[in-house]
Amino acid sequence: MTPIEAMACGVPVIVGDQDGSREILDDSGGGICVSPGLEEPALDYIDRLKTDSAYFSAERKAARQRVEAVFTYDHFAQKTIAVLEKLLHQKGSV
C-alpha cells in the first residue's frame, strides 16, 4: 500500500519486480519496477528525477493520475461487484 499512497501524493516510486508491487505500475510513468540486485536502473531513475525538472514533474503527474485511474475506492468497488456478479452468474448456471 505504501507505494500507492506515495503515488497518490504525486511521489514517483521504485518497486521490486518479485512481488505484487509490480502490478502498481504500467507503462504510463510514475515510477519504475526493478529487479533486486540491479541497482543501476534505480540509480539512473533517481538521478534523472533530480536533474531533469520537466521529467520529475511529468513523473509526479503520472503517479497521481495512475492512482486516480486505477486505485480509487470507486474503481475497487466496481471491480469487486463485477467479480461477485460473475461468481453469482456461474453458480446460477450450474
N, C-alpha and C. Protein backbone atom coordinates (compact mmCIF):
# COMPACT_ATOMS: atom_id res chain seq x y z
N MET A 1 0.81 -1.20 0.00
CA MET A 1 0.00 0.00 0.00
C MET A 1 0.86 1.27 0.00
N THR A 2 2.03 1.18 0.57
CA THR A 2 2.87 2.37 0.68
C THR A 2 3.18 3.00 -0.67
N PRO A 3 3.56 2.21 -1.70
CA PRO A 3 3.81 2.85 -3.00
C PRO A 3 2.57 3.53 -3.57
N ILE A 4 1.40 2.95 -3.38
CA ILE A 4 0.17 3.56 -3.87
C ILE A 4 -0.10 4.87 -3.14
N GLU A 5 0.11 4.87 -1.83
CA GLU A 5 -0.07 6.09 -1.05
C GLU A 5 0.90 7.18 -1.50
N ALA A 6 2.14 6.79 -1.76
CA ALA A 6 3.13 7.76 -2.23
C ALA A 6 2.70 8.34 -3.58
N MET A 7 2.28 7.47 -4.49
CA MET A 7 1.86 7.92 -5.81
C MET A 7 0.64 8.84 -5.71
N ALA A 8 -0.26 8.55 -4.77
CA ALA A 8 -1.43 9.41 -4.58
C ALA A 8 -1.02 10.82 -4.18
N CYS A 9 0.15 10.92 -3.56
CA CYS A 9 0.69 12.23 -3.16
C CYS A 9 1.58 12.82 -4.25
N GLY A 10 1.65 12.16 -5.40
CA GLY A 10 2.46 12.66 -6.50
C GLY A 10 3.93 12.35 -6.36
N VAL A 11 4.25 11.28 -5.66
CA VAL A 11 5.65 10.89 -5.48
C VAL A 11 5.94 9.68 -6.37
N PRO A 12 6.86 9.82 -7.32
CA PRO A 12 7.25 8.67 -8.14
C PRO A 12 7.87 7.58 -7.26
N VAL A 13 7.66 6.33 -7.63
CA VAL A 13 8.11 5.22 -6.80
C VAL A 13 9.06 4.29 -7.55
N ILE A 14 9.80 3.54 -6.77
CA ILE A 14 10.62 2.45 -7.28
C ILE A 14 10.15 1.20 -6.54
N VAL A 15 9.68 0.21 -7.29
CA VAL A 15 9.19 -1.02 -6.69
C VAL A 15 9.96 -2.21 -7.26
N GLY A 16 9.94 -3.31 -6.53
CA GLY A 16 10.58 -4.53 -6.98
C GLY A 16 9.68 -5.33 -7.91
N ASP A 17 10.31 -6.20 -8.69
CA ASP A 17 9.54 -6.98 -9.66
C ASP A 17 9.28 -8.42 -9.21
N GLN A 18 9.48 -8.71 -7.93
CA GLN A 18 9.29 -10.08 -7.48
C GLN A 18 8.14 -10.24 -6.50
N ASP A 19 7.26 -9.27 -6.46
CA ASP A 19 6.05 -9.39 -5.64
C ASP A 19 4.93 -8.62 -6.32
N GLY A 20 3.84 -8.44 -5.64
CA GLY A 20 2.69 -7.76 -6.22
C GLY A 20 2.90 -6.29 -6.50
N SER A 21 3.99 -5.73 -6.01
CA SER A 21 4.26 -4.31 -6.23
C SER A 21 4.35 -3.96 -7.70
N ARG A 22 4.81 -4.89 -8.51
CA ARG A 22 4.98 -4.61 -9.94
C ARG A 22 3.65 -4.30 -10.62
N GLU A 23 2.54 -4.76 -10.03
CA GLU A 23 1.23 -4.52 -10.62
C GLU A 23 0.75 -3.09 -10.42
N ILE A 24 1.41 -2.36 -9.56
CA ILE A 24 1.04 -0.97 -9.31
C ILE A 24 1.32 -0.10 -10.53
N LEU A 25 2.39 -0.43 -11.23
CA LEU A 25 2.83 0.40 -12.36
C LEU A 25 2.43 -0.20 -13.69
N ASP A 26 2.33 0.66 -14.68
CA ASP A 26 2.20 0.25 -16.06
C ASP A 26 3.19 1.10 -16.86
N ASP A 27 2.99 1.22 -18.12
CA ASP A 27 3.94 1.99 -18.94
C ASP A 27 3.64 3.48 -18.98
N SER A 28 2.73 3.95 -18.13
CA SER A 28 2.34 5.36 -18.18
C SER A 28 3.22 6.28 -17.34
N GLY A 29 4.19 5.73 -16.64
CA GLY A 29 5.08 6.55 -15.81
C GLY A 29 4.64 6.58 -14.36
N GLY A 30 5.33 7.37 -13.58
CA GLY A 30 5.02 7.48 -12.16
C GLY A 30 5.91 6.61 -11.29
N GLY A 31 6.83 5.91 -11.92
CA GLY A 31 7.74 5.07 -11.18
C GLY A 31 8.34 4.01 -12.08
N ILE A 32 9.23 3.22 -11.49
CA ILE A 32 9.83 2.12 -12.23
C ILE A 32 9.82 0.87 -11.37
N CYS A 33 9.93 -0.25 -12.06
CA CYS A 33 9.98 -1.56 -11.42
C CYS A 33 11.36 -2.15 -11.72
N VAL A 34 12.07 -2.57 -10.68
CA VAL A 34 13.42 -3.08 -10.87
C VAL A 34 13.57 -4.45 -10.21
N SER A 35 14.54 -5.19 -10.70
CA SER A 35 14.88 -6.49 -10.11
C SER A 35 15.82 -6.29 -8.93
N PRO A 36 15.63 -7.06 -7.87
CA PRO A 36 16.55 -6.96 -6.73
C PRO A 36 17.98 -7.24 -7.19
N GLY A 37 18.89 -6.48 -6.67
CA GLY A 37 20.29 -6.64 -7.03
C GLY A 37 20.73 -5.81 -8.22
N LEU A 38 19.80 -5.27 -8.96
CA LEU A 38 20.13 -4.40 -10.09
C LEU A 38 19.93 -2.96 -9.64
N GLU A 39 20.99 -2.37 -9.16
CA GLU A 39 20.90 -1.02 -8.60
C GLU A 39 20.92 0.06 -9.67
N GLU A 40 21.55 -0.22 -10.79
CA GLU A 40 21.77 0.82 -11.79
C GLU A 40 20.47 1.44 -12.32
N PRO A 41 19.43 0.65 -12.67
CA PRO A 41 18.21 1.30 -13.16
C PRO A 41 17.59 2.24 -12.12
N ALA A 42 17.60 1.84 -10.87
CA ALA A 42 17.04 2.69 -9.80
C ALA A 42 17.88 3.95 -9.63
N LEU A 43 19.19 3.80 -9.64
CA LEU A 43 20.06 4.97 -9.50
C LEU A 43 19.91 5.92 -10.68
N ASP A 44 19.80 5.37 -11.88
CA ASP A 44 19.60 6.20 -13.07
C ASP A 44 18.28 6.96 -12.98
N TYR A 45 17.25 6.28 -12.51
CA TYR A 45 15.93 6.91 -12.38
C TYR A 45 15.98 8.05 -11.37
N ILE A 46 16.58 7.80 -10.24
CA ILE A 46 16.70 8.83 -9.21
C ILE A 46 17.51 10.01 -9.73
N ASP A 47 18.60 9.72 -10.41
CA ASP A 47 19.43 10.79 -10.95
C ASP A 47 18.65 11.64 -11.96
N ARG A 48 17.88 10.98 -12.81
CA ARG A 48 17.11 11.74 -13.79
C ARG A 48 16.04 12.59 -13.11
N LEU A 49 15.40 12.05 -12.08
CA LEU A 49 14.40 12.82 -11.34
C LEU A 49 15.05 14.06 -10.72
N LYS A 50 16.27 13.90 -10.23
CA LYS A 50 16.98 15.01 -9.57
C LYS A 50 17.45 16.07 -10.55
N THR A 51 17.81 15.66 -11.75
CA THR A 51 18.46 16.59 -12.67
C THR A 51 17.57 17.14 -13.78
N ASP A 52 16.42 16.51 -14.00
CA ASP A 52 15.54 16.92 -15.09
C ASP A 52 14.19 17.31 -14.50
N SER A 53 14.01 18.60 -14.26
CA SER A 53 12.80 19.05 -13.57
C SER A 53 11.53 18.78 -14.38
N ALA A 54 11.61 18.84 -15.70
CA ALA A 54 10.44 18.53 -16.52
C ALA A 54 10.06 17.06 -16.39
N TYR A 55 11.06 16.20 -16.37
CA TYR A 55 10.82 14.76 -16.19
C TYR A 55 10.23 14.49 -14.81
N PHE A 56 10.79 15.13 -13.80
CA PHE A 56 10.29 14.97 -12.44
C PHE A 56 8.82 15.38 -12.36
N SER A 57 8.49 16.51 -12.95
CA SER A 57 7.10 16.98 -12.96
C SER A 57 6.18 16.00 -13.68
N ALA A 58 6.64 15.48 -14.82
CA ALA A 58 5.84 14.52 -15.58
C ALA A 58 5.63 13.23 -14.79
N GLU A 59 6.65 12.76 -14.10
CA GLU A 59 6.54 11.54 -13.30
C GLU A 59 5.62 11.75 -12.11
N ARG A 60 5.69 12.93 -11.49
CA ARG A 60 4.78 13.24 -10.37
C ARG A 60 3.33 13.21 -10.85
N LYS A 61 3.09 13.83 -11.99
CA LYS A 61 1.74 13.87 -12.55
C LYS A 61 1.26 12.47 -12.93
N ALA A 62 2.13 11.70 -13.56
CA ALA A 62 1.78 10.34 -13.97
C ALA A 62 1.47 9.46 -12.76
N ALA A 63 2.23 9.63 -11.69
CA ALA A 63 1.99 8.84 -10.48
C ALA A 63 0.59 9.11 -9.94
N ARG A 64 0.26 10.36 -9.82
CA ARG A 64 -1.06 10.76 -9.30
C ARG A 64 -2.18 10.27 -10.23
N GLN A 65 -2.00 10.44 -11.53
CA GLN A 65 -3.02 10.01 -12.48
C GLN A 65 -3.23 8.50 -12.45
N ARG A 66 -2.15 7.75 -12.29
CA ARG A 66 -2.27 6.28 -12.23
C ARG A 66 -3.13 5.87 -11.04
N VAL A 67 -2.89 6.47 -9.89
CA VAL A 67 -3.67 6.14 -8.69
C VAL A 67 -5.13 6.54 -8.89
N GLU A 68 -5.36 7.71 -9.43
CA GLU A 68 -6.73 8.17 -9.63
C GLU A 68 -7.48 7.31 -10.64
N ALA A 69 -6.77 6.73 -11.60
CA ALA A 69 -7.41 5.92 -12.63
C ALA A 69 -7.66 4.48 -12.18
N VAL A 70 -6.81 3.96 -11.31
CA VAL A 70 -6.86 2.53 -11.03
C VAL A 70 -7.11 2.17 -9.56
N PHE A 71 -6.74 3.01 -8.64
CA PHE A 71 -6.76 2.61 -7.23
C PHE A 71 -7.74 3.41 -6.36
N THR A 72 -8.75 3.99 -6.96
CA THR A 72 -9.75 4.70 -6.16
C THR A 72 -10.74 3.70 -5.55
N TYR A 73 -11.46 4.15 -4.56
CA TYR A 73 -12.48 3.29 -3.94
C TYR A 73 -13.52 2.89 -4.98
N ASP A 74 -13.96 3.82 -5.81
CA ASP A 74 -14.97 3.51 -6.82
C ASP A 74 -14.48 2.44 -7.79
N HIS A 75 -13.25 2.54 -8.21
CA HIS A 75 -12.68 1.54 -9.12
C HIS A 75 -12.64 0.18 -8.43
N PHE A 76 -12.19 0.15 -7.19
CA PHE A 76 -12.14 -1.10 -6.42
C PHE A 76 -13.54 -1.68 -6.27
N ALA A 77 -14.52 -0.84 -5.94
CA ALA A 77 -15.90 -1.31 -5.76
C ALA A 77 -16.45 -1.89 -7.06
N GLN A 78 -16.20 -1.22 -8.18
CA GLN A 78 -16.69 -1.71 -9.47
C GLN A 78 -16.08 -3.06 -9.81
N LYS A 79 -14.78 -3.22 -9.57
CA LYS A 79 -14.13 -4.49 -9.86
C LYS A 79 -14.66 -5.60 -8.95
N THR A 80 -14.89 -5.27 -7.68
CA THR A 80 -15.42 -6.25 -6.74
C THR A 80 -16.82 -6.69 -7.15
N ILE A 81 -17.65 -5.74 -7.50
CA ILE A 81 -19.02 -6.06 -7.94
C ILE A 81 -18.99 -6.94 -9.19
N ALA A 82 -18.12 -6.62 -10.13
CA ALA A 82 -18.03 -7.41 -11.36
C ALA A 82 -17.63 -8.85 -11.06
N VAL A 83 -16.69 -9.04 -10.15
CA VAL A 83 -16.27 -10.40 -9.78
C VAL A 83 -17.41 -11.14 -9.09
N LEU A 84 -18.07 -10.46 -8.17
CA LEU A 84 -19.19 -11.10 -7.46
C LEU A 84 -20.33 -11.46 -8.41
N GLU A 85 -20.65 -10.57 -9.33
CA GLU A 85 -21.70 -10.87 -10.32
C GLU A 85 -21.31 -12.05 -11.19
N LYS A 86 -20.06 -12.13 -11.58
CA LYS A 86 -19.59 -13.26 -12.38
C LYS A 86 -19.72 -14.55 -11.60
N LEU A 87 -19.32 -14.53 -10.33
CA LEU A 87 -19.43 -15.72 -9.49
C LEU A 87 -20.88 -16.14 -9.30
N LEU A 88 -21.76 -15.18 -9.07
CA LEU A 88 -23.17 -15.49 -8.89
C LEU A 88 -23.77 -16.06 -10.18
N HIS A 89 -23.37 -15.49 -11.31
CA HIS A 89 -23.85 -15.98 -12.61
C HIS A 89 -23.39 -17.42 -12.84
N GLN A 90 -22.13 -17.71 -12.54
CA GLN A 90 -21.60 -19.06 -12.72
C GLN A 90 -22.30 -20.05 -11.81
N LYS A 91 -22.54 -19.65 -10.56
CA LYS A 91 -23.21 -20.53 -9.61
C LYS A 91 -24.64 -20.80 -10.05
N GLY A 92 -25.31 -19.80 -10.61
CA GLY A 92 -26.68 -19.96 -11.07
C GLY A 92 -26.82 -20.86 -12.28
N SER A 93 -25.77 -20.97 -13.08
CA SER A 93 -25.85 -21.78 -14.30
C SER A 93 -25.41 -23.21 -14.08
N VAL A 94 -24.97 -23.54 -12.86
CA VAL A 94 -24.50 -24.90 -12.58
C VAL A 94 -25.66 -25.76 -12.16
